Amino acid sequence: MTGTNAVLGGGGFHHVAVRVADFDAAVKFYADVLGFSPKVAWGDLGKRAVMLDTGKGDYLEVFEGGTTPPPSGGTILHYAVRCVDVDSVIEAARSRGCEVTVEPKDVTIQNRDFPLPVRIAFFTGPAGEQIELFRNDLT
């Protein structure tokens, strides 16, 4: 992992997640207009998701199932930061009074081409934003 953030063990954004009403049109837009390329995709019709590489290993995660118009608060679901030690950082957030919404856990995203093992946790930031701590070796 590259970066200089000593707390996160490198740092940087891993991904920002959005929920869209028209999944196929959104993925086509991000690929055709912005040049993002699919890296990891999973789920079945009605519950699909994809991580699109923006070009330097930062991702836009697109989830199916949004509404038009989007609910108040918009389409942004959460943002994820790269993190080496998810457990210690989530404890630091908890000690500062942040609500932990998903305890640290290991998950394997069942990608269409290869399994993607990750360690994640979520907490609510000071402005009510959802922050994901994200560790993996493949993306």
N, C-alpha and C. Protein backbone atom coordinates (compact mmCIF):
# COMPACT_ATOMS: atom_id res chain seq x y z
N MET A 1 0.85 -1.17 0.00
CA MET A 1 0.00 0.00 0.00
C MET A 1 0.90 1.23 0.00
N THR A 2 0.57 2.18 -0.85
CA THR A 2 1.34 3.41 -0.91
C THR A 2 0.62 4.50 -0.14
N GLY A 3 1.33 5.53 0.14
CA GLY A 3 0.74 6.66 0.85
C GLY A 3 1.52 6.97 2.10
N THR A 4 1.18 8.09 2.70
CA THR A 4 1.96 8.55 3.86
C THR A 4 1.13 8.69 5.13
N ASN A 5 -0.12 8.24 5.12
CA ASN A 5 -0.98 8.36 6.29
C ASN A 5 -0.62 7.26 7.29
N ALA A 6 0.05 7.63 8.38
CA ALA A 6 0.51 6.65 9.36
C ALA A 6 -0.65 6.00 10.12
N VAL A 7 -1.74 6.71 10.33
CA VAL A 7 -2.89 6.15 11.06
C VAL A 7 -3.54 5.03 10.27
N LEU A 8 -3.74 5.25 8.97
CA LEU A 8 -4.40 4.25 8.13
C LEU A 8 -3.43 3.24 7.53
N GLY A 9 -2.16 3.49 7.60
CA GLY A 9 -1.19 2.59 7.00
C GLY A 9 -1.10 2.80 5.50
N GLY A 10 -1.01 4.00 5.07
CA GLY A 10 -0.95 4.34 3.65
C GLY A 10 -1.99 5.36 3.30
N GLY A 11 -3.25 4.95 3.33
CA GLY A 11 -4.36 5.87 3.13
C GLY A 11 -4.78 6.04 1.70
N GLY A 12 -5.60 7.02 1.49
CA GLY A 12 -6.18 7.29 0.18
C GLY A 12 -7.58 6.72 0.08
N PHE A 13 -8.36 7.27 -0.84
CA PHE A 13 -9.70 6.74 -1.06
C PHE A 13 -9.61 5.43 -1.81
N HIS A 14 -10.36 4.45 -1.37
CA HIS A 14 -10.50 3.22 -2.14
C HIS A 14 -11.66 3.37 -3.10
N HIS A 15 -12.84 3.74 -2.55
CA HIS A 15 -13.99 3.95 -3.43
C HIS A 15 -15.04 4.86 -2.81
N VAL A 16 -15.85 5.42 -3.68
CA VAL A 16 -17.07 6.12 -3.32
C VAL A 16 -18.19 5.29 -3.91
N ALA A 17 -19.26 5.06 -3.14
CA ALA A 17 -20.36 4.21 -3.59
C ALA A 17 -21.60 5.04 -3.89
N VAL A 18 -22.23 4.74 -5.03
CA VAL A 18 -23.49 5.39 -5.41
C VAL A 18 -24.53 4.32 -5.72
N ARG A 19 -25.80 4.67 -5.50
CA ARG A 19 -26.92 3.79 -5.88
C ARG A 19 -27.66 4.48 -7.01
N VAL A 20 -27.91 3.75 -8.10
CA VAL A 20 -28.50 4.33 -9.30
C VAL A 20 -29.80 3.63 -9.68
N ALA A 21 -30.69 4.37 -10.33
CA ALA A 21 -31.97 3.81 -10.78
C ALA A 21 -31.79 2.95 -12.03
N ASP A 22 -30.93 3.38 -12.96
CA ASP A 22 -30.70 2.63 -14.20
C ASP A 22 -29.25 2.16 -14.22
N PHE A 23 -29.04 0.97 -13.70
CA PHE A 23 -27.71 0.41 -13.52
C PHE A 23 -26.94 0.34 -14.85
N ASP A 24 -27.55 -0.27 -15.87
CA ASP A 24 -26.85 -0.46 -17.15
C ASP A 24 -26.46 0.87 -17.79
N ALA A 25 -27.38 1.85 -17.76
CA ALA A 25 -27.08 3.16 -18.33
C ALA A 25 -25.97 3.86 -17.55
N ALA A 26 -25.98 3.73 -16.23
CA ALA A 26 -24.94 4.38 -15.42
C ALA A 26 -23.57 3.77 -15.71
N VAL A 27 -23.49 2.45 -15.74
CA VAL A 27 -22.21 1.79 -16.01
C VAL A 27 -21.71 2.17 -17.40
N LYS A 28 -22.62 2.20 -18.38
CA LYS A 28 -22.24 2.59 -19.75
C LYS A 28 -21.74 4.04 -19.76
N PHE A 29 -22.42 4.93 -19.06
CA PHE A 29 -21.99 6.32 -18.99
C PHE A 29 -20.58 6.43 -18.42
N TYR A 30 -20.34 5.81 -17.26
CA TYR A 30 -19.03 5.93 -16.63
C TYR A 30 -17.94 5.32 -17.50
N ALA A 31 -18.24 4.25 -18.23
CA ALA A 31 -17.26 3.64 -19.13
C ALA A 31 -17.03 4.49 -20.38
N ASP A 32 -18.13 4.87 -21.05
CA ASP A 32 -18.01 5.57 -22.33
C ASP A 32 -17.59 7.02 -22.19
N VAL A 33 -18.14 7.72 -21.22
CA VAL A 33 -17.90 9.15 -21.09
C VAL A 33 -16.66 9.46 -20.26
N LEU A 34 -16.47 8.72 -19.16
CA LEU A 34 -15.35 9.02 -18.26
C LEU A 34 -14.19 8.03 -18.37
N GLY A 35 -14.37 6.94 -19.11
CA GLY A 35 -13.29 5.98 -19.31
C GLY A 35 -13.04 5.04 -18.14
N PHE A 36 -13.98 4.94 -17.20
CA PHE A 36 -13.82 4.02 -16.07
C PHE A 36 -13.97 2.59 -16.60
N SER A 37 -13.22 1.65 -16.01
CA SER A 37 -13.31 0.26 -16.47
C SER A 37 -13.73 -0.67 -15.34
N PRO A 38 -14.62 -1.63 -15.65
CA PRO A 38 -15.07 -2.58 -14.63
C PRO A 38 -13.91 -3.42 -14.12
N LYS A 39 -13.80 -3.54 -12.82
CA LYS A 39 -12.75 -4.36 -12.20
C LYS A 39 -13.36 -5.54 -11.45
N VAL A 40 -14.41 -5.29 -10.67
CA VAL A 40 -15.07 -6.31 -9.86
C VAL A 40 -16.57 -6.13 -10.02
N ALA A 41 -17.31 -7.20 -10.32
CA ALA A 41 -18.77 -7.13 -10.43
C ALA A 41 -19.38 -8.33 -9.73
N TRP A 42 -20.56 -8.11 -9.12
CA TRP A 42 -21.23 -9.19 -8.40
C TRP A 42 -22.73 -8.93 -8.34
N GLY A 43 -23.44 -9.94 -7.87
CA GLY A 43 -24.88 -9.82 -7.67
C GLY A 43 -25.69 -10.31 -8.85
N ASP A 44 -27.01 -10.42 -8.62
CA ASP A 44 -27.96 -10.85 -9.62
C ASP A 44 -28.87 -9.69 -9.99
N LEU A 45 -29.62 -9.84 -11.05
CA LEU A 45 -30.51 -8.79 -11.53
C LEU A 45 -31.34 -8.23 -10.38
N GLY A 46 -31.33 -6.92 -10.24
CA GLY A 46 -32.02 -6.24 -9.15
C GLY A 46 -31.12 -5.94 -7.97
N LYS A 47 -29.97 -6.63 -7.89
CA LYS A 47 -29.02 -6.42 -6.79
C LYS A 47 -27.59 -6.43 -7.29
N ARG A 48 -27.38 -5.91 -8.50
CA ARG A 48 -26.04 -5.91 -9.08
C ARG A 48 -25.20 -4.78 -8.52
N ALA A 49 -23.89 -4.98 -8.57
CA ALA A 49 -22.94 -3.96 -8.17
C ALA A 49 -21.66 -4.16 -8.98
N VAL A 50 -20.91 -3.08 -9.14
CA VAL A 50 -19.66 -3.14 -9.87
C VAL A 50 -18.71 -2.09 -9.30
N MET A 51 -17.43 -2.43 -9.25
CA MET A 51 -16.40 -1.45 -8.93
C MET A 51 -15.74 -1.06 -10.24
N LEU A 52 -15.79 0.23 -10.55
CA LEU A 52 -15.20 0.75 -11.77
C LEU A 52 -13.90 1.47 -11.43
N ASP A 53 -12.82 1.03 -12.05
CA ASP A 53 -11.51 1.66 -11.83
C ASP A 53 -11.50 3.00 -12.56
N THR A 54 -11.18 4.07 -11.82
CA THR A 54 -11.16 5.40 -12.42
C THR A 54 -9.90 5.67 -13.23
N GLY A 55 -8.91 4.78 -13.09
CA GLY A 55 -7.69 4.92 -13.88
C GLY A 55 -6.41 4.84 -13.09
N LYS A 56 -6.52 4.94 -11.76
CA LYS A 56 -5.29 4.83 -10.95
C LYS A 56 -5.52 4.03 -9.67
N GLY A 57 -6.48 3.13 -9.71
CA GLY A 57 -6.73 2.28 -8.56
C GLY A 57 -7.66 2.89 -7.53
N ASP A 58 -8.35 3.96 -7.89
CA ASP A 58 -9.45 4.49 -7.08
C ASP A 58 -10.72 4.06 -7.80
N TYR A 59 -11.77 3.76 -7.05
CA TYR A 59 -12.94 3.15 -7.66
C TYR A 59 -14.21 3.92 -7.39
N LEU A 60 -15.14 3.80 -8.34
CA LEU A 60 -16.52 4.20 -8.13
C LEU A 60 -17.29 2.89 -8.04
N GLU A 61 -17.97 2.69 -6.92
CA GLU A 61 -18.77 1.48 -6.72
C GLU A 61 -20.22 1.84 -7.04
N VAL A 62 -20.80 1.16 -8.03
CA VAL A 62 -22.15 1.46 -8.48
C VAL A 62 -23.07 0.31 -8.05
N PHE A 63 -24.15 0.66 -7.33
CA PHE A 63 -25.14 -0.31 -6.89
C PHE A 63 -26.45 -0.09 -7.63
N GLU A 64 -27.08 -1.16 -7.99
CA GLU A 64 -28.41 -1.12 -8.59
C GLU A 64 -29.45 -0.88 -7.49
N GLY A 65 -30.59 -0.34 -7.84
CA GLY A 65 -31.68 -0.22 -6.88
C GLY A 65 -31.99 1.18 -6.42
N GLY A 66 -31.45 2.18 -7.09
CA GLY A 66 -31.74 3.55 -6.72
C GLY A 66 -33.12 3.97 -7.20
N THR A 67 -33.53 5.17 -6.83
CA THR A 67 -34.83 5.69 -7.23
C THR A 67 -34.64 6.99 -8.00
N THR A 68 -35.65 7.35 -8.78
CA THR A 68 -35.65 8.61 -9.48
C THR A 68 -36.89 9.38 -9.05
N PRO A 69 -36.77 10.56 -8.49
CA PRO A 69 -35.50 11.19 -8.10
C PRO A 69 -34.90 10.50 -6.88
N PRO A 70 -33.59 10.72 -6.64
CA PRO A 70 -32.96 10.10 -5.48
C PRO A 70 -33.55 10.67 -4.18
N PRO A 71 -33.46 9.90 -3.10
CA PRO A 71 -33.95 10.39 -1.80
C PRO A 71 -33.13 11.58 -1.33
N SER A 72 -33.66 12.31 -0.35
CA SER A 72 -32.88 13.43 0.18
C SER A 72 -31.56 12.88 0.67
N GLY A 73 -30.52 13.64 0.48
CA GLY A 73 -29.19 13.14 0.80
C GLY A 73 -28.48 12.64 -0.44
N GLY A 74 -29.22 12.49 -1.56
CA GLY A 74 -28.61 12.14 -2.83
C GLY A 74 -28.33 10.67 -3.01
N THR A 75 -27.44 10.37 -3.93
CA THR A 75 -27.15 9.00 -4.31
C THR A 75 -25.89 8.44 -3.66
N ILE A 76 -25.13 9.28 -2.98
CA ILE A 76 -23.90 8.80 -2.35
C ILE A 76 -24.28 7.93 -1.15
N LEU A 77 -23.79 6.70 -1.14
CA LEU A 77 -24.05 5.77 -0.03
C LEU A 77 -23.00 5.91 1.07
N HIS A 78 -21.74 5.88 0.66
CA HIS A 78 -20.63 5.97 1.60
C HIS A 78 -19.35 6.22 0.82
N TYR A 79 -18.29 6.55 1.55
CA TYR A 79 -16.98 6.53 0.92
C TYR A 79 -16.07 5.63 1.74
N ALA A 80 -15.11 5.02 1.05
CA ALA A 80 -14.23 4.05 1.69
C ALA A 80 -12.79 4.53 1.60
N VAL A 81 -12.07 4.40 2.71
CA VAL A 81 -10.65 4.73 2.72
C VAL A 81 -9.85 3.45 2.88
N ARG A 82 -8.72 3.43 2.19
CA ARG A 82 -7.81 2.28 2.29
C ARG A 82 -7.23 2.26 3.70
N CYS A 83 -7.17 1.09 4.29
CA CYS A 83 -6.77 0.98 5.69
C CYS A 83 -6.06 -0.35 5.92
N VAL A 84 -4.91 -0.32 6.57
CA VAL A 84 -4.18 -1.55 6.86
C VAL A 84 -4.75 -2.27 8.07
N ASP A 85 -5.04 -1.54 9.15
CA ASP A 85 -5.52 -2.15 10.39
C ASP A 85 -6.93 -1.64 10.70
N VAL A 86 -7.92 -2.26 10.08
CA VAL A 86 -9.31 -1.86 10.22
C VAL A 86 -9.73 -1.86 11.69
N ASP A 87 -9.32 -2.87 12.43
CA ASP A 87 -9.75 -3.01 13.83
C ASP A 87 -9.27 -1.86 14.71
N SER A 88 -8.02 -1.47 14.59
CA SER A 88 -7.53 -0.41 15.46
C SER A 88 -8.11 0.95 15.08
N VAL A 89 -8.32 1.19 13.79
CA VAL A 89 -8.89 2.46 13.37
C VAL A 89 -10.36 2.56 13.78
N ILE A 90 -11.10 1.47 13.70
CA ILE A 90 -12.50 1.53 14.12
C ILE A 90 -12.60 1.78 15.62
N GLU A 91 -11.66 1.24 16.38
CA GLU A 91 -11.66 1.50 17.83
C GLU A 91 -11.32 2.95 18.12
N ALA A 92 -10.44 3.54 17.32
CA ALA A 92 -10.12 4.96 17.50
C ALA A 92 -11.35 5.82 17.20
N ALA A 93 -12.09 5.47 16.14
CA ALA A 93 -13.32 6.21 15.82
C ALA A 93 -14.35 6.05 16.94
N ARG A 94 -14.49 4.83 17.44
CA ARG A 94 -15.44 4.57 18.52
C ARG A 94 -15.06 5.37 19.77
N SER A 95 -13.78 5.45 20.07
CA SER A 95 -13.33 6.16 21.27
C SER A 95 -13.58 7.67 21.16
N ARG A 96 -13.77 8.17 19.93
CA ARG A 96 -14.08 9.58 19.70
C ARG A 96 -15.58 9.82 19.64
N GLY A 97 -16.37 8.78 19.96
CA GLY A 97 -17.82 8.93 20.00
C GLY A 97 -18.54 8.62 18.71
N CYS A 98 -17.83 8.13 17.70
CA CYS A 98 -18.49 7.78 16.45
C CYS A 98 -19.29 6.49 16.62
N GLU A 99 -20.46 6.44 15.99
CA GLU A 99 -21.27 5.23 16.02
C GLU A 99 -20.72 4.23 15.01
N VAL A 100 -20.38 3.04 15.48
CA VAL A 100 -19.93 1.98 14.58
C VAL A 100 -21.19 1.29 14.06
N THR A 101 -21.39 1.33 12.75
CA THR A 101 -22.60 0.76 12.15
C THR A 101 -22.38 -0.65 11.62
N VAL A 102 -21.14 -1.00 11.30
CA VAL A 102 -20.77 -2.37 10.93
C VAL A 102 -19.44 -2.66 11.60
N GLU A 103 -19.44 -3.64 12.49
CA GLU A 103 -18.21 -4.05 13.17
C GLU A 103 -17.23 -4.64 12.16
N PRO A 104 -15.92 -4.61 12.46
CA PRO A 104 -14.94 -5.19 11.54
C PRO A 104 -15.28 -6.64 11.22
N LYS A 105 -15.20 -6.95 9.93
CA LYS A 105 -15.47 -8.33 9.51
C LYS A 105 -14.77 -8.62 8.19
N ASP A 106 -14.51 -9.89 7.98
CA ASP A 106 -13.94 -10.36 6.72
C ASP A 106 -15.10 -10.77 5.81
N VAL A 107 -15.03 -10.32 4.56
CA VAL A 107 -16.06 -10.60 3.57
C VAL A 107 -15.36 -11.01 2.29
N THR A 108 -15.93 -11.96 1.58
CA THR A 108 -15.43 -12.28 0.25
C THR A 108 -16.50 -11.87 -0.75
N ILE A 109 -16.19 -10.86 -1.56
CA ILE A 109 -17.10 -10.42 -2.61
C ILE A 109 -17.00 -11.46 -3.72
N GLN A 110 -18.12 -12.03 -4.10
CA GLN A 110 -18.14 -13.07 -5.13
C GLN A 110 -18.16 -12.43 -6.51
N ASN A 111 -17.00 -11.94 -6.90
CA ASN A 111 -16.81 -11.33 -8.20
C ASN A 111 -17.04 -12.37 -9.29
N ARG A 112 -17.37 -11.93 -10.47
CA ARG A 112 -17.62 -12.85 -11.58
C ARG A 112 -16.35 -13.56 -12.05
N ASP A 113 -15.18 -12.94 -11.88
CA ASP A 113 -13.94 -13.52 -12.39
C ASP A 113 -13.05 -14.12 -11.31
N PHE A 114 -13.09 -13.55 -10.11
CA PHE A 114 -12.23 -14.03 -9.03
C PHE A 114 -12.82 -13.59 -7.70
N PRO A 115 -12.63 -14.36 -6.64
CA PRO A 115 -13.12 -13.92 -5.33
C PRO A 115 -12.27 -12.76 -4.82
N LEU A 116 -12.92 -11.81 -4.13
CA LEU A 116 -12.22 -10.64 -3.62
C LEU A 116 -12.36 -10.61 -2.10
N PRO A 117 -11.36 -11.14 -1.38
CA PRO A 117 -11.43 -11.09 0.09
C PRO A 117 -11.08 -9.70 0.60
N VAL A 118 -11.91 -9.17 1.51
CA VAL A 118 -11.69 -7.84 2.07
C VAL A 118 -11.97 -7.87 3.56
N ARG A 119 -11.43 -6.91 4.28
CA ARG A 119 -11.79 -6.67 5.68
C ARG A 119 -12.37 -5.27 5.71
N ILE A 120 -13.57 -5.14 6.28
CA ILE A 120 -14.27 -3.87 6.26
C ILE A 120 -14.87 -3.55 7.63
N ALA A 121 -15.20 -2.29 7.82
CA ALA A 121 -15.99 -1.81 8.95
C ALA A 121 -16.57 -0.47 8.52
N PHE A 122 -17.71 -0.09 9.12
CA PHE A 122 -18.35 1.18 8.82
C PHE A 122 -18.61 1.94 10.10
N PHE A 123 -18.53 3.27 10.00
CA PHE A 123 -18.92 4.12 11.11
C PHE A 123 -19.49 5.43 10.59
N THR A 124 -20.20 6.12 11.47
CA THR A 124 -20.79 7.42 11.11
C THR A 124 -19.82 8.51 11.51
N GLY A 125 -19.47 9.35 10.54
CA GLY A 125 -18.54 10.45 10.79
C GLY A 125 -19.23 11.62 11.47
N PRO A 126 -18.49 12.67 11.76
CA PRO A 126 -19.00 13.79 12.54
C PRO A 126 -20.12 14.58 11.86
N ALA A 127 -20.25 14.49 10.54
CA ALA A 127 -21.32 15.20 9.83
C ALA A 127 -22.46 14.26 9.44
N GLY A 128 -22.43 13.02 9.97
CA GLY A 128 -23.45 12.05 9.64
C GLY A 128 -23.12 11.19 8.44
N GLU A 129 -21.95 11.40 7.84
CA GLU A 129 -21.54 10.64 6.67
C GLU A 129 -21.16 9.21 7.06
N GLN A 130 -21.38 8.27 6.14
CA GLN A 130 -20.98 6.89 6.36
C GLN A 130 -19.58 6.69 5.79
N ILE A 131 -18.68 6.21 6.64
CA ILE A 131 -17.29 5.99 6.25
C ILE A 131 -17.00 4.50 6.38
N GLU A 132 -16.42 3.94 5.33
CA GLU A 132 -16.03 2.53 5.34
C GLU A 132 -14.51 2.45 5.42
N LEU A 133 -14.02 1.59 6.29
CA LEU A 133 -12.60 1.24 6.33
C LEU A 133 -12.46 -0.02 5.49
N PHE A 134 -11.52 -0.05 4.56
CA PHE A 134 -11.46 -1.09 3.53
C PHE A 134 -10.03 -1.56 3.36
N ARG A 135 -9.82 -2.87 3.58
CA ARG A 135 -8.50 -3.46 3.37
C ARG A 135 -8.63 -4.64 2.44
N ASN A 136 -7.80 -4.66 1.41
CA ASN A 136 -7.64 -5.82 0.55
C ASN A 136 -6.35 -5.69 -0.23
N ASP A 137 -5.98 -6.75 -0.91
CA ASP A 137 -4.72 -6.76 -1.63
C ASP A 137 -4.88 -6.73 -3.14
N LEU A 138 -6.13 -6.85 -3.64
CA LEU A 138 -6.33 -6.99 -5.09
C LEU A 138 -6.80 -5.70 -5.78
N THR A 139 -7.41 -4.78 -5.05
CA THR A 139 -7.86 -3.54 -5.68
C THR A 139 -7.38 -2.35 -4.87
